[in-house]
Amino acid sequence: DVQLQASGGGLVQPGGSLRLSCVASGFRFSSFAMSWLRQAPGKGLERVADIMNDDRTAYADSVKGRFTISRDNAKKMVFLQMNSLKPEDTAVYYCASADTIGAIASSRVRDWGQGTQVTVSS
C-alpha cells in the first residue's frame, strides 16, 4: 500500500518561506525518482520540482531559483524548500513518486497522495 503524505503547507505573505515535507512508505523509496506537483485554483497540474535517485534535480521555470527539492533516503522523506513566495505559488502541493526511466521531469508519475495547501497572500 503506497502512501505519500505531504505536510507543512499554510498561509504565508509574499516574500516569505515554507518548507514542505513528505513521508513515503509502501515502495522501495531509494529506487524511485520523487516529484512535487501543484494545482492552482482553476489550473491543471504543474510539475514543479523533481529529484532522481542519483540526486539530480530539475525545476519548472516558474520556481527555478526559489525552490529546492531534497531527499533523505534513510528516512524515506522528500522536502521542498520554498523561498521568495509569490501569490501565484498558491496551490495544493502533492508529493509523488516517478520512474527513473526517461528524462528527469518527463518520466512517468507513479503515485501521489493527499496534498497540502499553500496560500501566499497579504
Protein backbone atom coordinates (compact mmCIF):
# COMPACT_ATOMS: atom_id res chain seq x y z
CA ASP A 1 0.00 0.00 0.00
CA VAL A 2 1.77 3.12 -1.26
CA GLN A 3 1.47 6.20 0.93
CA LEU A 4 2.81 9.68 0.16
CA GLN A 5 1.80 12.08 2.90
CA ALA A 6 2.63 15.75 2.39
CA SER A 7 2.61 18.33 5.16
CA GLY A 8 3.92 21.78 6.01
CA GLY A 9 1.60 23.99 4.00
CA GLY A 10 -0.05 27.09 5.35
CA LEU A 11 -0.67 30.79 4.89
CA VAL A 12 2.35 32.99 4.21
CA GLN A 13 2.87 36.56 2.99
CA PRO A 14 4.52 37.30 -0.35
CA GLY A 15 8.28 37.04 0.00
CA GLY A 16 8.01 34.51 2.79
CA SER A 17 9.17 30.91 3.00
CA LEU A 18 7.73 27.47 3.71
CA ARG A 19 9.25 24.01 3.91
CA LEU A 20 7.08 21.11 2.76
CA SER A 21 7.75 17.56 3.88
CA CYS A 22 6.60 14.21 2.57
CA VAL A 23 6.91 10.80 4.19
CA ALA A 24 6.74 7.81 1.86
CA SER A 25 6.02 4.15 2.50
CA GLY A 26 4.96 1.01 0.67
CA PHE A 27 7.65 1.01 -2.04
CA ARG A 28 11.43 0.94 -2.46
CA PHE A 29 11.91 4.67 -1.94
CA SER A 30 15.59 4.89 -2.87
CA SER A 31 14.95 3.25 -6.26
CA PHE A 32 12.46 5.90 -7.42
CA ALA A 33 12.58 9.47 -8.54
CA MET A 34 10.44 11.85 -6.50
CA SER A 35 8.47 14.87 -7.61
CA TRP A 36 6.45 17.76 -6.28
CA LEU A 37 3.34 18.66 -8.26
CA ARG A 38 0.96 21.54 -7.67
CA GLN A 39 -2.51 22.56 -8.77
CA ALA A 40 -3.50 26.20 -8.55
CA PRO A 41 -7.17 27.26 -8.48
CA GLY A 42 -8.69 26.78 -11.93
CA LYS A 43 -5.45 25.37 -13.34
CA GLY A 44 -4.11 21.95 -14.22
CA LEU A 45 -1.29 20.06 -12.57
CA GLU A 46 2.17 21.58 -12.83
CA ARG A 47 5.30 19.52 -12.20
CA VAL A 48 7.40 21.98 -10.21
CA ALA A 49 10.40 20.01 -8.90
CA ASP A 50 11.99 16.60 -9.43
CA ILE A 51 14.83 14.67 -7.85
CA MET A 52 16.23 11.48 -9.32
CA ASN A 53 17.54 8.51 -7.38
CA ASP A 54 21.07 9.77 -8.09
CA ASP A 55 20.17 13.21 -6.63
CA ARG A 56 19.98 15.09 -9.93
CA THR A 57 17.31 17.78 -9.73
CA ALA A 58 15.14 19.76 -12.13
CA TYR A 59 12.73 22.65 -11.68
CA ALA A 60 9.96 24.32 -13.60
CA ASP A 61 10.90 27.77 -14.88
CA SER A 62 8.22 29.28 -12.66
CA VAL A 63 10.04 28.21 -9.47
CA LYS A 64 13.68 27.96 -10.56
CA GLY A 65 15.99 29.80 -8.20
CA ARG A 66 13.37 29.97 -5.46
CA PHE A 67 12.52 26.33 -4.66
CA THR A 68 14.85 23.49 -3.65
CA ILE A 69 13.94 19.80 -3.62
CA SER A 70 15.88 17.31 -1.50
CA ARG A 71 15.51 13.76 -0.21
CA ASP A 72 16.57 11.67 2.76
CA ASN A 73 16.58 8.02 1.75
CA ALA A 74 17.22 6.76 5.29
CA LYS A 75 14.03 8.46 6.48
CA LYS A 76 12.12 7.85 3.23
CA MET A 77 11.31 11.54 3.03
CA VAL A 78 11.39 14.27 0.41
CA PHE A 79 11.33 18.01 1.05
CA LEU A 80 10.55 21.20 -0.83
CA GLN A 81 12.07 24.42 0.48
CA MET A 82 10.12 27.35 -0.96
CA ASN A 83 11.59 30.84 -0.70
CA SER A 84 10.54 34.23 -2.07
CA LEU A 85 6.98 33.03 -2.38
CA LYS A 86 4.60 34.78 -4.75
CA PRO A 87 0.79 34.86 -4.84
CA GLU A 88 0.92 32.74 -8.00
CA ASP A 89 2.53 29.95 -5.94
CA THR A 90 -0.82 29.46 -4.21
CA ALA A 91 -1.82 25.85 -4.88
CA VAL A 92 -2.30 22.42 -3.43
CA TYR A 93 1.11 20.74 -3.45
CA TYR A 94 1.37 16.98 -3.94
CA CYS A 95 4.27 14.63 -3.27
CA ALA A 96 4.66 11.97 -5.96
CA SER A 97 6.87 9.07 -6.96
CA ALA A 98 8.15 8.82 -10.53
CA ASP A 99 10.03 6.41 -12.77
CA THR A 100 13.77 6.68 -13.28
CA ILE A 101 13.45 5.67 -16.94
CA GLY A 102 13.27 8.70 -19.20
CA ALA A 103 14.44 12.28 -18.85
CA ILE A 104 14.18 13.89 -15.45
CA ALA A 105 10.91 15.82 -15.04
CA SER A 106 9.44 13.91 -18.00
CA SER A 107 9.30 10.40 -16.57
CA ARG A 108 6.07 8.68 -15.64
CA VAL A 109 4.49 9.71 -12.36
CA ARG A 110 3.56 6.58 -10.43
CA ASP A 111 1.63 7.60 -7.31
CA TRP A 112 0.69 10.61 -5.26
CA GLY A 113 -1.14 11.15 -2.03
CA GLN A 114 -3.11 13.85 -0.31
CA GLY A 115 -1.69 17.29 -0.91
CA THR A 116 -1.01 20.21 1.39
CA GLN A 117 -2.44 23.69 0.79
CA VAL A 118 -0.06 26.62 0.31
CA THR A 119 -1.62 30.07 0.28
CA VAL A 120 0.50 33.15 -0.45
CA SER A 121 -1.42 36.31 0.31
CA SER A 122 -1.03 39.66 2.03
